[in-house]
Protein backbone atom coordinates (compact mmCIF):
# COMPACT_ATOMS: atom_id res chain seq x y z
CA MET A 1 186.01 31.43 45.67
CA THR A 2 187.60 28.63 43.63
CA VAL A 3 186.56 25.16 44.73
CA ASN A 4 188.95 22.27 44.29
CA LYS A 5 186.82 19.50 42.74
CA SER A 6 189.42 16.79 43.43
CA LEU A 7 189.35 17.58 47.15
CA LEU A 8 185.52 17.59 47.18
CA THR A 9 185.49 14.20 45.49
CA LEU A 10 187.94 12.85 48.06
CA ALA A 11 185.79 14.24 50.91
CA ALA A 12 182.64 12.64 49.46
CA TRP A 13 184.39 9.29 49.13
CA LEU A 14 185.49 9.45 52.77
CA VAL A 15 181.93 10.24 53.87
CA PHE A 16 180.59 7.28 51.88
CA MET A 17 183.21 4.87 53.20
CA THR A 18 182.65 5.84 56.83
CA ALA A 19 178.85 5.97 56.76
CA GLY A 20 177.31 3.73 59.41
CA LEU A 21 180.61 3.03 61.17
CA PRO A 22 180.84 3.67 64.91
CA VAL A 23 182.60 6.87 65.83
CA VAL A 24 185.89 6.20 67.58
CA ALA A 25 187.73 9.14 69.08
CA GLN A 26 191.39 9.12 67.99
CA GLU A 27 194.15 11.51 67.14
CA PRO A 28 194.20 12.66 63.49
CA VAL A 29 197.05 11.14 61.44
CA LEU A 30 198.84 13.26 58.83
CA LEU A 31 199.35 10.95 55.83
CA GLU A 32 200.96 13.47 53.46
CA ARG A 33 201.46 17.20 53.64
CA VAL A 34 200.34 19.33 50.69
CA VAL A 35 202.82 22.16 50.06
CA ALA A 36 201.04 23.77 47.09
CA ILE A 37 198.05 23.39 44.77
CA VAL A 38 198.22 24.47 41.12
CA ASP A 39 195.10 24.22 38.96
CA GLU A 40 193.69 21.43 41.17
CA GLU A 41 197.04 19.57 40.98
CA MET A 42 198.65 18.98 44.36
CA ILE A 43 202.38 19.26 45.06
CA LEU A 44 203.10 17.03 48.03
CA GLN A 45 205.93 17.27 50.51
CA SER A 46 207.29 14.01 49.09
CA ASP A 47 207.30 15.59 45.59
CA LEU A 48 209.33 18.51 46.90
CA ASP A 49 211.72 16.25 48.83
CA LEU A 50 212.31 14.04 45.79
CA ALA A 51 212.88 17.07 43.54
CA ILE A 52 215.51 18.38 45.98
CA GLU A 53 217.23 14.98 46.21
CA LEU A 54 217.40 14.67 42.44
CA TYR A 55 218.60 18.27 42.07
CA GLN A 56 221.46 17.41 44.44
CA LEU A 57 222.13 14.19 42.50
CA ASP A 58 222.31 16.14 39.24
CA ARG A 59 224.97 18.36 40.80
CA GLN A 60 226.86 15.32 42.06
CA LEU A 61 226.79 13.62 38.64
CA SER A 62 228.09 16.87 37.12
CA GLY A 63 231.02 16.93 39.53
CA GLU A 64 229.61 19.73 41.72
CA GLN A 65 229.11 19.74 45.47
CA PRO A 66 225.53 19.41 46.80
CA GLU A 67 224.01 22.67 48.07
CA PRO A 68 223.30 23.10 51.79
CA LEU A 69 219.68 22.17 52.54
CA THR A 70 218.41 25.66 53.36
CA PRO A 71 214.91 27.22 53.34
CA GLU A 72 216.07 29.24 50.31
CA LEU A 73 216.87 26.04 48.37
CA ARG A 74 213.46 24.54 49.24
CA GLU A 75 211.73 27.77 48.18
CA ARG A 76 213.63 27.84 44.87
CA VAL A 77 212.83 24.20 44.03
CA LEU A 78 209.17 24.64 45.00
CA ALA A 79 208.95 27.74 42.77
CA SER A 80 210.32 25.64 39.90
CA LEU A 81 207.75 22.90 40.53
CA ILE A 82 204.93 25.48 40.53
CA GLU A 83 206.19 27.07 37.29
CA ASN A 84 206.35 23.65 35.64
CA LYS A 85 202.76 22.86 36.61
CA LEU A 86 201.58 26.26 35.35
CA VAL A 87 203.28 25.75 31.98
CA ILE A 88 201.87 22.22 31.70
CA ALA A 89 198.39 23.50 32.53
CA ALA A 90 198.70 26.15 29.80
CA ALA A 91 200.01 23.60 27.31
CA LYS A 92 197.19 21.14 27.99
CA GLN A 93 194.60 23.92 27.82
CA ASN A 94 195.89 24.58 24.29
CA ASP A 95 195.90 20.87 23.32
CA MET A 96 199.69 20.54 23.24
CA VAL A 97 200.89 16.93 23.49
CA VAL A 98 204.28 15.46 24.43
CA GLU A 99 205.35 12.21 22.76
CA GLU A 100 205.78 9.72 25.62
CA GLU A 101 207.74 7.24 23.48
CA GLU A 102 210.42 9.88 22.88
CA ILE A 103 210.57 10.62 26.62
CA GLU A 104 211.04 6.94 27.47
CA LEU A 105 213.73 6.60 24.80
CA ARG A 106 215.69 9.56 26.17
CA VAL A 107 215.35 8.30 29.75
CA GLN A 108 216.81 4.95 28.69
CA GLU A 109 219.65 6.70 26.83
CA ARG A 110 220.52 8.62 30.00
CA VAL A 111 220.45 5.45 32.12
CA ASP A 112 222.73 3.72 29.58
CA GLN A 113 225.17 6.66 29.76
CA LEU A 114 225.28 6.44 33.56
CA VAL A 115 225.78 2.65 33.46
CA ALA A 116 228.77 3.20 31.16
CA GLN A 117 230.06 5.97 33.46
CA TYR A 118 229.81 3.84 36.63
CA GLY A 119 230.86 0.55 35.01
CA SER A 120 227.73 -1.51 35.68
CA MET A 121 224.06 -1.31 36.58
CA ASP A 122 224.88 -2.54 40.10
CA GLU A 123 227.36 0.30 40.61
CA LEU A 124 224.83 2.85 39.34
CA ARG A 125 222.21 1.53 41.77
CA ARG A 126 224.77 1.80 44.59
CA ALA A 127 225.58 5.40 43.63
CA LEU A 128 221.88 6.29 43.59
CA SER A 129 221.30 4.59 46.93
CA GLN A 130 223.88 6.90 48.50
CA SER A 131 221.47 9.73 47.69
CA GLN A 132 218.55 7.69 49.12
CA LEU A 133 217.22 7.08 45.61
CA THR A 134 216.26 4.01 43.61
CA LEU A 135 216.73 3.59 39.88
CA GLU A 136 212.93 3.85 39.55
CA ASP A 137 213.04 7.21 41.40
CA PHE A 138 215.66 8.43 38.97
CA ARG A 139 213.74 7.22 35.89
CA PHE A 140 210.56 8.89 37.13
CA ARG A 141 212.21 12.21 37.97
CA TYR A 142 214.36 12.36 34.81
CA GLY A 143 211.32 11.53 32.70
CA THR A 144 209.36 14.27 34.48
CA GLN A 145 212.21 16.71 33.88
CA LEU A 146 212.33 15.89 30.15
CA ARG A 147 208.53 16.13 29.92
CA ASN A 148 208.55 19.54 31.61
CA GLN A 149 211.28 20.75 29.24
CA GLN A 150 209.29 19.59 26.22
CA TYR A 151 206.13 21.33 27.42
CA MET A 152 208.22 24.46 28.01
CA ARG A 153 209.59 24.30 24.43
CA LEU A 154 206.06 23.89 23.04
CA VAL A 155 204.76 26.88 25.02
CA VAL A 156 207.75 29.06 24.13
CA GLY A 157 207.46 28.08 20.47
CA ARG A 158 203.78 29.05 20.28
CA PHE A 159 203.38 31.98 22.67
CA ILE A 160 206.81 33.56 23.26
CA ARG A 161 209.26 33.14 20.37
CA PRO A 162 206.97 34.50 17.59
CA ASP A 163 206.91 37.90 19.34
CA ILE A 164 210.68 38.08 19.89
CA GLU A 165 212.68 40.20 17.45
CA VAL A 166 216.43 40.75 17.60
CA MET A 167 217.89 43.65 15.61
CA GLU A 168 221.42 43.65 14.22
CA ASN A 169 222.34 46.81 16.13
CA GLU A 170 221.23 45.16 19.43
CA VAL A 171 223.66 42.29 18.90
CA GLU A 172 226.52 44.63 17.99
CA GLU A 173 225.81 46.85 21.00
CA TYR A 174 225.87 43.82 23.28
CA TYR A 175 229.26 42.81 21.83
CA LEU A 176 230.76 46.27 22.38
CA GLU A 177 229.29 46.70 25.89
CA ASN A 178 230.68 43.31 26.97
CA LEU A 179 233.90 43.33 24.97
CA GLY A 180 236.02 42.49 28.02
CA GLU A 181 234.00 39.32 28.59
CA MET A 182 234.02 38.10 25.00
CA PRO A 183 235.78 34.74 24.47
CA ALA A 184 239.26 34.66 23.06
CA GLU A 185 241.35 32.01 21.37
CA PRO A 186 244.09 31.23 23.91
CA ASP A 187 247.80 31.06 23.26
CA SER A 188 249.03 27.79 21.83
CA VAL A 189 252.36 26.26 22.85
CA THR A 190 254.51 23.50 21.44
CA LEU A 191 256.11 21.62 24.31
CA SER A 192 258.82 19.16 25.16
CA ASN A 193 259.00 17.63 28.61
CA ILE A 194 261.05 15.53 30.98
CA LEU A 195 259.15 13.45 33.55
CA VAL A 196 260.72 11.81 36.59
CA ARG A 197 258.24 9.56 38.35
CA ILE A 198 258.17 9.26 42.13
CA GLN A 199 258.79 5.65 43.06
CA PRO A 200 258.15 4.12 46.48
CA SER A 201 261.24 3.12 48.42
CA ALA A 202 262.64 -0.41 48.33
CA GLU A 203 261.35 -0.93 51.87
CA SER A 204 257.78 0.06 50.88
CA ARG A 205 257.91 -2.25 47.87
CA ARG A 206 259.17 -5.11 50.04
CA MET A 207 256.32 -4.64 52.53
CA VAL A 208 253.75 -4.77 49.72
CA GLN A 209 255.43 -7.84 48.23
CA ASP A 210 255.10 -9.59 51.59
CA LYS A 211 251.39 -8.74 51.78
CA VAL A 212 250.79 -9.96 48.23
CA ALA A 213 252.65 -13.19 48.98
CA ALA A 214 250.49 -13.75 52.08
CA ALA A 215 247.31 -13.25 50.05
CA GLN A 216 248.54 -15.62 47.34
CA ALA A 217 249.40 -18.23 49.99
CA ALA A 218 245.89 -17.99 51.47
CA LEU A 219 244.35 -18.47 48.02
CA ALA A 220 246.66 -21.41 47.28
CA ALA A 221 245.52 -23.00 50.56
CA GLY A 222 241.96 -22.99 49.23
CA GLU A 223 240.51 -19.94 50.98
CA ASP A 224 237.67 -18.18 49.21
CA PHE A 225 238.80 -15.14 47.17
CA ALA A 226 236.07 -12.87 48.59
CA GLN A 227 236.99 -13.80 52.17
CA VAL A 228 240.70 -13.18 51.53
CA ALA A 229 239.86 -9.82 49.92
CA GLN A 230 237.62 -8.85 52.82
CA SER A 231 240.21 -9.70 55.46
CA MET A 232 243.46 -8.79 53.71
CA SER A 233 242.88 -6.35 50.83
CA GLU A 234 243.53 -2.63 51.41
CA GLY A 235 241.38 -1.48 48.50
CA PRO A 236 238.15 0.56 48.82
CA ASN A 237 236.09 -2.45 47.66
CA ALA A 238 237.49 -4.86 50.28
CA VAL A 239 234.25 -4.68 52.28
CA ARG A 240 232.45 -6.11 49.22
CA GLY A 241 234.85 -9.04 49.00
CA GLY A 242 236.97 -7.15 46.50
CA ARG A 243 234.13 -6.95 43.96
CA ILE A 244 234.69 -4.20 41.38
CA GLY A 245 231.70 -4.93 39.14
CA THR A 246 231.17 -5.46 35.43
CA VAL A 247 233.57 -3.76 33.03
CA LYS A 248 234.12 -3.57 29.30
CA PRO A 249 237.44 -3.21 27.44
CA GLY A 250 238.85 0.26 28.13
CA ASP A 251 236.84 0.87 31.32
CA LEU A 252 239.75 0.40 33.73
CA PHE A 253 242.07 3.32 34.48
CA ASP A 254 245.26 1.43 33.52
CA ASN A 255 245.80 -0.32 30.19
CA VAL A 256 247.87 -3.07 31.84
CA LEU A 257 244.96 -3.93 34.14
CA ASP A 258 242.61 -3.91 31.17
CA GLN A 259 244.80 -6.30 29.18
CA THR A 260 245.22 -8.61 32.18
CA VAL A 261 241.46 -8.89 32.70
CA GLN A 262 240.90 -9.71 29.03
CA LYS A 263 243.27 -12.70 29.26
CA LEU A 264 241.73 -14.29 32.38
CA THR A 265 239.31 -17.22 32.27
CA PRO A 266 236.33 -17.41 34.69
CA GLY A 267 237.56 -18.16 38.21
CA GLU A 268 241.20 -17.45 37.35
CA VAL A 269 243.32 -15.14 39.54
CA SER A 270 246.07 -13.09 37.91
CA GLN A 271 249.67 -12.79 38.92
CA PRO A 272 250.44 -9.49 40.72
CA VAL A 273 249.85 -6.51 38.42
CA ILE A 274 251.53 -3.18 39.18
CA SER A 275 249.67 0.02 38.29
CA SER A 276 250.24 3.67 39.12
CA ARG A 277 248.15 3.13 42.26
CA GLY A 278 249.57 -0.09 43.65
CA VAL A 279 249.60 -3.87 43.23
CA HIS A 280 246.52 -5.82 42.15
CA LEU A 281 245.50 -9.48 42.21
CA LEU A 282 242.61 -9.64 39.74
CA ARG A 283 239.99 -12.37 39.55
CA LEU A 284 237.55 -12.90 36.66
CA ASP A 285 234.26 -13.76 38.38
CA GLU A 286 232.06 -14.06 35.30
CA LEU A 287 232.25 -13.61 31.54
CA GLN A 288 229.06 -12.03 30.17
CA SER A 289 227.52 -12.92 26.82
CA ASP A 290 228.29 -9.45 25.43
CA GLY A 291 232.00 -9.79 26.26
CA SER A 292 231.93 -7.66 29.39
CA ARG A 293 233.56 -9.10 32.50
CA THR A 294 232.63 -9.12 36.18
CA ILE A 295 235.82 -8.83 38.23
CA SER A 296 237.12 -8.61 41.79
CA GLN A 297 240.51 -7.66 43.19
CA ILE A 298 242.85 -7.81 46.15
CA PHE A 299 244.71 -4.52 46.24
CA TYR A 300 247.66 -3.01 48.11
CA PRO A 301 248.63 0.64 47.57
CA LEU A 302 252.26 1.55 47.09
CA THR A 303 252.83 4.31 49.64
CA ILE A 304 254.97 7.30 48.65
CA GLN A 305 257.10 8.81 51.43
CA GLU A 306 258.51 12.33 51.58
CA VAL A 307 261.98 10.93 51.02
CA ASP A 308 260.76 9.39 47.73
CA VAL A 309 259.48 12.79 46.57
CA GLU A 310 262.79 14.41 47.46
CA GLU A 311 264.82 11.75 45.68
CA ALA A 312 262.83 12.31 42.48
CA ARG A 313 263.21 16.09 42.84
CA VAL A 314 267.00 15.74 42.97
CA ARG A 315 266.88 13.70 39.74
CA ILE A 316 264.70 16.21 37.88
CA GLU A 317 266.86 19.13 39.06
CA ALA A 318 269.95 17.36 37.74
CA ALA A 319 268.28 16.74 34.37
CA ARG A 320 267.15 20.38 34.13
CA GLN A 321 270.65 21.60 34.97
CA ARG A 322 272.11 19.51 32.15
CA ALA A 323 269.78 21.28 29.69
CA LEU A 324 270.54 24.72 31.18
CA ASP A 325 274.25 24.00 30.83
CA GLY A 326 273.83 23.60 27.08
CA GLU A 327 273.10 19.92 26.53
CA ALA A 328 270.27 19.42 24.00
CA PHE A 329 266.94 19.13 25.79
CA SER A 330 265.94 16.27 23.48
CA LEU A 331 269.04 14.25 24.44
CA VAL A 332 268.43 14.77 28.17
CA ALA A 333 264.76 13.79 27.75
CA ASN A 334 265.70 10.68 25.79
CA ASP A 335 268.17 9.72 28.53
CA VAL A 336 266.17 10.61 31.67
CA SER A 337 262.47 11.05 30.98
CA GLU A 338 260.06 8.37 32.18
CA ASP A 339 257.18 9.61 30.02
CA PRO A 340 256.41 6.58 27.81
CA VAL A 341 254.74 8.75 25.15
CA SER A 342 257.41 11.36 24.55
CA ALA A 343 260.77 10.09 25.85
CA SER A 344 261.69 8.27 22.62
CA ALA A 345 260.83 11.44 20.65
CA GLY A 346 263.25 13.57 22.63
CA GLY A 347 260.51 14.72 24.98
CA LEU A 348 258.36 16.33 22.25
CA LEU A 349 254.72 16.32 23.34
CA GLY A 350 253.06 18.36 20.59
CA THR A 351 251.11 21.62 20.29
CA PHE A 352 248.33 22.54 22.72
CA GLN A 353 246.08 25.47 23.43
CA LEU A 354 246.80 26.67 26.96
CA ASN A 355 243.21 26.12 28.10
CA GLU A 356 243.50 22.45 27.09
CA LEU A 357 246.16 21.91 29.72
CA SER A 358 245.65 21.30 33.43
CA THR A 359 245.60 24.32 35.74
CA GLU A 360 248.96 23.15 37.12
CA PHE A 361 250.54 23.18 33.66
CA GLN A 362 248.88 26.48 32.73
CA GLY A 363 250.40 28.11 35.83
CA ALA A 364 253.89 26.98 34.79
CA LEU A 365 253.51 27.89 31.10
CA THR A 366 251.31 31.00 30.88
CA SER A 367 254.25 33.44 30.84
CA ALA A 368 257.00 31.08 29.58
CA ILE A 369 258.75 32.27 26.41
CA ILE A 370 260.12 30.28 23.48
CA GLY A 371 263.18 28.29 24.52
CA GLU A 372 262.53 28.67 28.24
CA ILE A 373 262.95 25.64 30.50
CA THR A 374 260.49 25.79 33.38
CA GLU A 375 261.15 25.17 37.06
CA PRO A 376 260.37 21.61 38.22
CA LEU A 377 256.62 21.08 38.71
CA LEU A 378 255.31 18.43 41.12
CA THR A 379 252.15 16.61 39.94
CA ALA A 380 250.39 13.35 40.73
CA ALA A 381 252.34 11.73 37.88
CA GLY A 382 255.73 12.92 39.18
CA TRP A 383 258.13 15.83 38.60
CA TYR A 384 257.98 17.67 35.25
CA VAL A 385 260.12 20.25 33.52
CA PHE A 386 258.97 21.73 30.21
CA GLN A 387 260.70 23.48 27.37
CA VAL A 388 258.59 25.82 25.22
CA VAL A 389 259.57 24.93 21.65
CA ASP A 390 257.17 27.40 20.01
CA ARG A 391 254.39 29.78 21.04
CA VAL A 392 251.59 31.44 19.06
CA GLU A 393 249.71 34.31 20.66
CA GLY A 394 245.93 34.00 20.88
CA HIS A 395 243.43 36.69 19.91
CA ARG A 396 240.00 37.96 20.93
CA TYR A 397 237.25 36.76 18.59
CA THR A 398 235.82 39.46 16.31
CA TYR A 399 232.17 40.47 16.12
CA ASP A 400 231.78 38.67 12.80
CA GLU A 401 233.13 35.45 14.33
CA LEU A 402 230.71 35.64 17.26
CA LYS A 403 227.60 37.35 15.90
CA ASP A 404 225.54 34.19 15.29
CA ASP A 405 226.16 32.93 18.83
CA LEU A 406 225.55 36.42 20.24
CA ARG A 407 222.28 36.74 18.35
CA ARG A 408 221.05 33.49 19.94
CA TYR A 409 222.21 34.70 23.35
CA VAL A 410 220.41 38.04 23.07
CA GLU A 411 217.32 36.25 21.79
CA ASN A 412 217.40 33.83 24.74
CA GLN A 413 217.69 36.73 27.16
CA LYS A 414 214.58 38.29 25.67
CA ILE A 415 212.76 34.96 25.77
CA GLU A 416 213.62 34.55 29.48
CA VAL A 417 212.18 37.97 30.30
CA ALA A 418 209.05 37.36 28.23
CA LEU A 419 208.63 33.85 29.66
CA ALA A 420 208.85 35.13 33.24
CA ALA A 421 206.11 37.66 32.46
CA TYR A 422 204.04 34.96 30.73
CA ILE A 423 204.29 32.60 33.72
CA GLU A 424 203.36 35.43 36.07
CA GLY A 425 200.27 35.97 33.93
CA LEU A 426 199.38 32.28 34.26
CA ARG A 427 199.01 32.84 38.00
CA GLU A 428 196.01 35.03 37.14
CA THR A 429 194.53 32.32 34.93
CA PHE A 430 195.10 29.24 37.06
CA PHE A 431 194.51 28.71 40.75
CA VAL A 432 197.74 28.71 42.82
CA ASP A 433 197.78 28.16 46.58
CA ILE A 434 201.11 27.85 48.42
CA LYS A 435 200.70 26.36 51.88
CA ASP A 436 202.59 27.66 54.93
């Protein structure tokens, strides 16, 4: 029978600390549940819970939906934690060392990336808090993840990879057996377009103008900007007094907003700024030493009605009909299109691979032939029609073009199989006890 020395030490300490104390009958208190023990290392319920929370956060940061919290998910994450501890035990037994300075550097790089993604450290902390996590939780878990990966690379490099051999005929056979799944260079198309934007009605614009004027009047009367934003703004950050956070040049979704913020002085409120989303009153709260700016806003969305969509559809249909009737597409685009990039060039957008385009555009253009003018397509930006100016057919990549990537893929498959067998063997070497 294997005896856990750490648990014996803990028991001895408890005996020493309680010696001579009067015995008081009371209900036992569960301080922390142990879910598994690996080579005298305990995995606690809190370790498992944190691993699941950070797994879900990783999915969220990657744009995926969190998984349902099922027994299967818990079992899968626990199995991963056990495998990590087994690999670390094997690595340490063989005197393998991970450079902690490199781990800390990579953790900081990841935090810096997320700060840039969310706009500020405050916004990142808020995003983490929505997953019941602190920044310290994230640093700890991400560092642990990087450390586990490094130990895994060390173990694979010493015990697995040297025994892996990939023959040329294996790679070629894999290519032929999976030919239908091999990547292909997609068709490329040269496009011209006409864009008709959907504008809110005059009545909607007038209502927003009245709301903006009321907010400006409240500010002119001396009311605090945050209070006005909280009571009058219709933006998602109104509950925070309109606070957006700290931004750098280029962070905002609209270039006009970005330019406006750069011109403000601390405490100054902008004139109304119209973006694709609505009307903004921007305030520069603080200018940071590195040039970044902390800003707030009062915001009113410009609401699009069904009648506005229909009015724009009539305009795009009329423009398309002009081109179908023989008028040069470039002249119609120059006259009608509201695309600021291409209108002055007769609607010419350039050449794109089909897979570079949005799924909406791919659906309209996949089977379109040279010279064809597509049906009107409704998007978030407005109504589009496209003309295919040129088209070059794609092709499936040859074996010679893919063989280096395929060799690595086949090698990785073999490594995965060998690694699974190696980890299973570690269970015979190191003590593993999974609690019910």
